[in-house]
Amino acid sequence: MDNCDVNGVSLGVEEFGEADAPLVLCLGAPTMLSWPDALCVQLAAQGRHVVRCDLRDAGSSSHGDLESPDYTLRDLAADAAELARAFDGRPAHLAGIGISGMVAQVAALDHPEAFSALTLIGTRPVAPGPVDDDLPDHDEVTMGPLFARPPPDWTDVDSVADFMAEGAKILGDDPAEARDVAARIWGRTQGDDPESHRADQLGMVFSRLDCRPRWRERLPQLGVPTLVVHGRLDPFFPVGNGEALAREIPGARLLTLENASRAVPAADVPEVVGGIAAL
């Protein structure tokens, strides 16, 4: 793992595959570890140069005021474009997952010259906050027990790992995998204060960003091959959000993972890799 300086910030990055191969830039949500190791390794084996990265205020990237970030969603989109250019002079395949799927949509719209393809996993076409009337919101039955839990001791790795594993079980993801990833994220967090650990685990800074103006109405302007991946069982961003993206982005392909929730299960990694490599 290393860092790359772009757009006035330093972003944590990790590379897989040959540097001269076509670039696939995977934006973290908020840390790079939201992208499974197996997915990155298998995609590199398909002849891609895979770079996964931390967003600002996450992992080993530049940190500022977590309570009042001085940047916007558009700045994160610009970071993605500059990072793609830093690794390859050719347009890159941009991939976002969860909250970084929102960044990826805006980046492809605002910086079309920087990207040749787009993959959006488990995301939606509107920013955090109230959803449009035609989009399904968070499943209330699932969100109740998820958000009612007492917080962990964010400064204790075992407490955090247990908390994230329990949350994964509620959401329908693999708790053992979530426990392992949470511990790895905890180990990469800058500083030892509770808020930093909470931010890296839950992406809380993203919810405080200025995400205006809306971009959903611009989705028909996207002119790059696009893959939309969504778990059929996702209660956080229900599958109707992915279906909307696939309808509104010209020519987009929808890959629905029938037995998946938020995370990409190990069993589905080869199919997702195949979909990305086919663009």
Protein backbone atom coordinates (compact mmCIF):
# COMPACT_ATOMS: atom_id res chain seq x y z
CA MET A 1 0.00 0.00 0.00
CA ASP A 2 1.14 3.50 -0.80
CA ASN A 3 -0.13 7.05 -1.21
CA CYS A 4 -0.64 9.18 -4.31
CA ASP A 5 -0.82 12.99 -4.23
CA VAL A 6 -3.57 14.42 -6.44
CA ASN A 7 -5.88 17.44 -6.42
CA GLY A 8 -4.18 18.88 -3.33
CA VAL A 9 -4.63 15.75 -1.18
CA SER A 10 -2.87 12.47 -0.54
CA LEU A 11 -4.91 9.33 -1.20
CA GLY A 12 -4.11 5.86 0.05
CA VAL A 13 -3.81 3.36 -2.82
CA GLU A 14 -3.02 -0.29 -3.44
CA GLU A 15 -2.19 -1.80 -6.83
CA PHE A 16 -2.82 -5.23 -8.33
CA GLY A 17 -1.61 -6.46 -11.72
CA GLU A 18 0.70 -4.97 -14.33
CA ALA A 19 1.06 -1.20 -14.46
CA ASP A 20 0.76 -1.10 -18.26
CA ALA A 21 -2.52 -3.02 -18.31
CA PRO A 22 -5.86 -1.15 -18.69
CA LEU A 23 -6.68 0.65 -15.44
CA VAL A 24 -9.66 -0.17 -13.22
CA LEU A 25 -9.90 2.42 -10.42
CA CYS A 26 -11.92 1.16 -7.44
CA LEU A 27 -13.08 3.93 -5.09
CA GLY A 28 -13.31 3.04 -1.39
CA ALA A 29 -16.49 3.29 0.64
CA PRO A 30 -14.86 4.96 2.41
CA THR A 31 -11.72 2.79 2.66
CA MET A 32 -10.17 0.65 -0.04
CA LEU A 33 -10.98 -2.50 1.94
CA SER A 34 -14.61 -2.22 0.87
CA TRP A 35 -13.27 -3.92 -2.29
CA PRO A 36 -12.69 -7.65 -1.61
CA ASP A 37 -9.12 -8.84 -2.04
CA ALA A 38 -10.33 -11.74 -4.20
CA LEU A 39 -12.12 -9.40 -6.58
CA CYS A 40 -9.00 -7.27 -7.05
CA VAL A 41 -6.73 -10.30 -7.50
CA GLN A 42 -9.05 -12.03 -9.98
CA LEU A 43 -9.60 -8.85 -11.98
CA ALA A 44 -5.83 -8.35 -12.22
CA ALA A 45 -5.57 -11.93 -13.48
CA GLN A 46 -7.96 -10.90 -16.27
CA GLY A 47 -5.34 -8.46 -17.53
CA ARG A 48 -6.32 -5.34 -15.63
CA HIS A 49 -4.27 -2.91 -13.55
CA VAL A 50 -6.46 -2.60 -10.47
CA VAL A 51 -6.01 0.35 -8.12
CA ARG A 52 -8.20 0.51 -5.03
CA CYS A 53 -8.10 3.70 -2.99
CA ASP A 54 -9.22 5.36 0.23
CA LEU A 55 -11.44 8.42 -0.06
CA ARG A 56 -10.41 11.60 1.76
CA ASP A 57 -10.66 11.35 5.55
CA ALA A 58 -10.40 7.56 5.39
CA GLY A 59 -7.64 4.99 5.74
CA SER A 60 -4.24 6.44 4.92
CA SER A 61 -5.59 9.40 2.92
CA SER A 62 -5.37 13.04 3.97
CA HIS A 63 -7.49 13.87 7.01
CA GLY A 64 -9.17 17.10 8.04
CA ASP A 65 -12.08 18.05 10.27
CA LEU A 66 -14.29 14.95 10.38
CA GLU A 67 -17.21 16.92 11.80
CA SER A 68 -17.12 19.70 9.18
CA PRO A 69 -15.37 18.53 6.02
CA ASP A 70 -14.18 21.39 3.81
CA TYR A 71 -14.82 19.58 0.52
CA THR A 72 -17.85 18.41 -1.44
CA LEU A 73 -18.98 15.38 -3.42
CA ARG A 74 -17.67 17.15 -6.52
CA ASP A 75 -14.21 17.36 -4.97
CA LEU A 76 -14.23 13.58 -4.44
CA ALA A 77 -15.24 13.18 -8.08
CA ALA A 78 -12.34 15.40 -9.13
CA ASP A 79 -10.01 13.32 -6.93
CA ALA A 80 -11.08 10.22 -8.86
CA ALA A 81 -10.41 11.85 -12.22
CA GLU A 82 -6.98 13.11 -11.18
CA LEU A 83 -6.06 9.75 -9.64
CA ALA A 84 -7.01 7.95 -12.85
CA ARG A 85 -4.81 10.34 -14.87
CA ALA A 86 -1.93 9.89 -12.43
CA PHE A 87 -1.86 6.14 -13.04
CA ASP A 88 -2.64 6.00 -16.76
CA GLY A 89 -2.80 8.52 -19.59
CA ARG A 90 -5.66 6.54 -21.12
CA PRO A 91 -9.28 6.80 -19.95
CA ALA A 92 -9.89 4.41 -17.04
CA HIS A 93 -12.64 2.07 -15.98
CA LEU A 94 -14.10 3.64 -12.81
CA ALA A 95 -15.78 1.50 -10.16
CA GLY A 96 -17.72 2.63 -7.10
CA ILE A 97 -19.37 0.63 -4.34
CA GLY A 98 -22.01 1.91 -1.92
CA ILE A 99 -21.36 5.57 -1.18
CA SER A 100 -18.46 5.70 -3.62
CA GLY A 101 -20.88 4.62 -6.34
CA MET A 102 -22.37 8.10 -5.96
CA VAL A 103 -18.90 9.62 -6.36
CA ALA A 104 -18.33 7.48 -9.44
CA GLN A 105 -21.55 8.64 -11.11
CA VAL A 106 -20.65 12.30 -10.61
CA ALA A 107 -17.04 11.73 -11.68
CA ALA A 108 -18.12 10.10 -14.94
CA LEU A 109 -20.56 12.96 -15.60
CA ASP A 110 -18.22 15.82 -14.65
CA HIS A 111 -15.03 14.35 -16.14
CA PRO A 112 -16.13 12.23 -19.12
CA GLU A 113 -12.72 12.44 -20.78
CA ALA A 114 -11.13 10.58 -17.85
CA PHE A 115 -13.21 7.41 -17.97
CA SER A 116 -13.94 4.68 -20.51
CA ALA A 117 -16.33 2.50 -18.49
CA LEU A 118 -18.29 2.54 -15.24
CA THR A 119 -19.20 -0.10 -12.64
CA LEU A 120 -21.68 0.76 -9.88
CA ILE A 121 -22.17 -1.74 -7.05
CA GLY A 122 -24.87 -1.49 -4.37
CA THR A 123 -25.54 2.21 -4.80
CA ARG A 124 -28.30 4.62 -5.85
CA PRO A 125 -28.80 7.69 -8.08
CA VAL A 126 -29.35 10.23 -5.29
CA ALA A 127 -27.22 11.52 -2.42
CA PRO A 128 -27.60 10.64 1.27
CA GLY A 129 -30.84 11.94 2.70
CA PRO A 130 -34.45 11.68 1.56
CA VAL A 131 -34.89 9.57 -1.58
CA ASP A 132 -37.04 10.31 -4.60
CA ASP A 133 -40.62 9.04 -4.41
CA ASP A 134 -40.00 6.35 -7.03
CA LEU A 135 -36.95 4.88 -5.23
CA PRO A 136 -37.13 2.40 -2.34
CA ASP A 137 -35.68 3.74 0.90
CA HIS A 138 -33.92 1.79 3.65
CA ASP A 139 -35.93 -1.19 4.86
CA GLU A 140 -37.34 -0.04 8.21
CA VAL A 141 -37.66 -3.56 9.64
CA THR A 142 -33.92 -4.07 9.18
CA MET A 143 -32.80 -0.56 10.07
CA GLY A 144 -34.55 -0.67 13.47
CA PRO A 145 -32.35 -3.34 15.05
CA LEU A 146 -29.29 -2.17 13.07
CA PHE A 147 -29.35 1.35 14.48
CA ALA A 148 -30.74 0.49 17.93
CA ARG A 149 -27.55 -1.30 18.99
CA PRO A 150 -25.33 0.37 21.59
CA PRO A 151 -22.07 1.58 20.02
CA PRO A 152 -18.87 -0.36 20.54
CA ASP A 153 -15.71 0.88 22.19
CA TRP A 154 -14.33 2.37 18.98
CA THR A 155 -10.81 2.32 20.41
CA ASP A 156 -10.90 -1.48 20.95
CA VAL A 157 -10.42 -3.60 17.86
CA ASP A 158 -12.30 -6.63 19.19
CA SER A 159 -15.28 -4.54 20.24
CA VAL A 160 -15.40 -2.88 16.81
CA ALA A 161 -14.98 -6.18 14.94
CA ASP A 162 -17.82 -7.76 16.92
CA PHE A 163 -20.05 -4.75 16.30
CA MET A 164 -19.45 -4.79 12.55
CA ALA A 165 -19.94 -8.56 12.40
CA GLU A 166 -23.28 -8.23 14.21
CA GLY A 167 -24.32 -5.49 11.80
CA ALA A 168 -23.39 -7.66 8.82
CA LYS A 169 -25.53 -10.48 10.19
CA ILE A 170 -28.52 -8.12 10.52
CA LEU A 171 -28.00 -6.89 6.95
CA GLY A 172 -27.63 -10.41 5.58
CA ASP A 173 -23.89 -10.34 4.90
CA ASP A 174 -21.20 -12.79 6.05
CA PRO A 175 -20.37 -11.86 9.67
CA ALA A 176 -17.03 -13.68 9.65
CA GLU A 177 -15.89 -11.75 6.59
CA ALA A 178 -17.15 -8.50 8.08
CA ARG A 179 -15.27 -9.15 11.32
CA ASP A 180 -12.01 -9.72 9.44
CA VAL A 181 -12.41 -6.62 7.26
CA ALA A 182 -13.37 -4.46 10.25
CA ALA A 183 -10.21 -5.49 12.09
CA ARG A 184 -8.09 -4.67 9.04
CA ILE A 185 -9.77 -1.28 8.64
CA TRP A 186 -9.23 -0.59 12.35
CA GLY A 187 -5.53 -1.34 11.96
CA ARG A 188 -5.19 1.20 9.13
CA THR A 189 -7.07 4.04 10.85
CA GLN A 190 -5.04 7.17 11.49
CA GLY A 191 -5.01 8.18 15.15
CA ASP A 192 -6.56 6.36 18.07
CA ASP A 193 -9.57 8.57 18.81
CA PRO A 194 -13.09 7.09 18.65
CA GLU A 195 -14.36 9.42 15.91
CA SER A 196 -11.61 8.42 13.48
CA HIS A 197 -12.34 4.73 13.95
CA ARG A 198 -16.09 5.33 13.65
CA ALA A 199 -15.57 7.32 10.46
CA ASP A 200 -13.47 4.62 8.82
CA GLN A 201 -15.89 1.84 9.74
CA LEU A 202 -19.18 3.60 8.96
CA GLY A 203 -18.30 6.33 6.46
CA MET A 204 -19.87 8.99 8.65
CA VAL A 205 -17.99 11.87 6.99
CA PHE A 206 -19.77 11.19 3.72
CA SER A 207 -23.15 11.91 5.32
CA ARG A 208 -21.88 15.41 6.21
CA LEU A 209 -20.82 16.37 2.68
CA ASP A 210 -22.47 18.92 0.44
CA CYS A 211 -23.71 16.68 -2.39
CA ARG A 212 -25.54 19.35 -4.37
CA PRO A 213 -26.59 19.78 -7.11
CA ARG A 214 -28.55 16.66 -7.98
CA TRP A 215 -27.12 14.49 -10.74
CA ARG A 216 -29.83 11.89 -11.36
CA GLU A 217 -31.38 13.92 -14.18
CA ARG A 218 -27.99 13.90 -15.95
CA LEU A 219 -27.60 10.10 -16.01
CA PRO A 220 -28.93 9.83 -19.60
CA GLN A 221 -25.86 11.87 -20.62
CA LEU A 222 -23.48 9.05 -19.67
CA GLY A 223 -21.91 7.65 -22.79
CA VAL A 224 -19.64 4.90 -21.43
CA PRO A 225 -20.37 1.18 -21.07
CA THR A 226 -21.84 0.67 -17.60
CA LEU A 227 -22.35 -2.33 -15.33
CA VAL A 228 -24.78 -2.00 -12.42
CA VAL A 229 -24.41 -4.70 -9.75
CA HIS A 230 -26.91 -5.03 -6.92
CA GLY A 231 -27.75 -7.59 -4.26
CA ARG A 232 -31.34 -8.79 -4.44
CA LEU A 233 -31.48 -8.88 -0.62
CA ASP A 234 -29.95 -5.45 0.06
CA PRO A 235 -32.07 -3.74 2.76
CA PHE A 236 -29.97 -0.57 2.94
CA PHE A 237 -30.18 0.48 -0.71
CA PRO A 238 -32.90 -1.92 -1.93
CA VAL A 239 -32.50 -3.38 -5.40
CA GLY A 240 -34.95 -0.91 -6.94
CA ASN A 241 -32.16 1.67 -6.73
CA GLY A 242 -29.91 -0.43 -8.94
CA GLU A 243 -32.78 -1.09 -11.31
CA ALA A 244 -33.34 2.67 -11.62
CA LEU A 245 -29.67 3.25 -12.43
CA ALA A 246 -29.73 0.56 -15.11
CA ARG A 247 -32.86 2.06 -16.68
CA GLU A 248 -31.58 5.63 -16.72
CA ILE A 249 -27.99 5.07 -17.90
CA PRO A 250 -28.06 4.37 -21.65
CA GLY A 251 -27.14 0.79 -22.47
CA ALA A 252 -26.33 -0.16 -18.87
CA ARG A 253 -26.32 -3.83 -17.93
CA LEU A 254 -27.89 -4.87 -14.62
CA LEU A 255 -26.31 -7.81 -12.79
CA THR A 256 -28.51 -8.83 -9.86
CA LEU A 257 -26.84 -11.05 -7.26
CA GLU A 258 -29.77 -13.15 -6.12
CA ASN A 259 -28.34 -14.26 -2.77
CA ALA A 260 -26.40 -11.10 -1.90
CA SER A 261 -27.11 -8.17 0.39
CA ARG A 262 -24.65 -5.28 0.83
CA ALA A 263 -21.32 -7.04 0.31
CA VAL A 264 -20.22 -9.01 -2.74
CA PRO A 265 -20.21 -12.64 -1.51
CA ALA A 266 -17.14 -14.74 -2.28
CA ALA A 267 -19.28 -17.05 -4.41
CA ASP A 268 -20.33 -14.12 -6.65
CA VAL A 269 -16.88 -12.59 -7.11
CA PRO A 270 -16.08 -14.50 -10.34
CA GLU A 271 -19.35 -13.35 -11.97
CA VAL A 272 -18.76 -9.74 -10.94
CA VAL A 273 -15.16 -9.89 -12.19
CA GLY A 274 -16.39 -11.30 -15.48
CA GLY A 275 -18.90 -8.48 -15.81
CA ILE A 276 -16.29 -5.81 -15.14
CA ALA A 277 -13.74 -7.37 -17.48
CA ALA A 278 -16.33 -7.56 -20.27
CA LEU A 279 -16.76 -3.76 -20.43
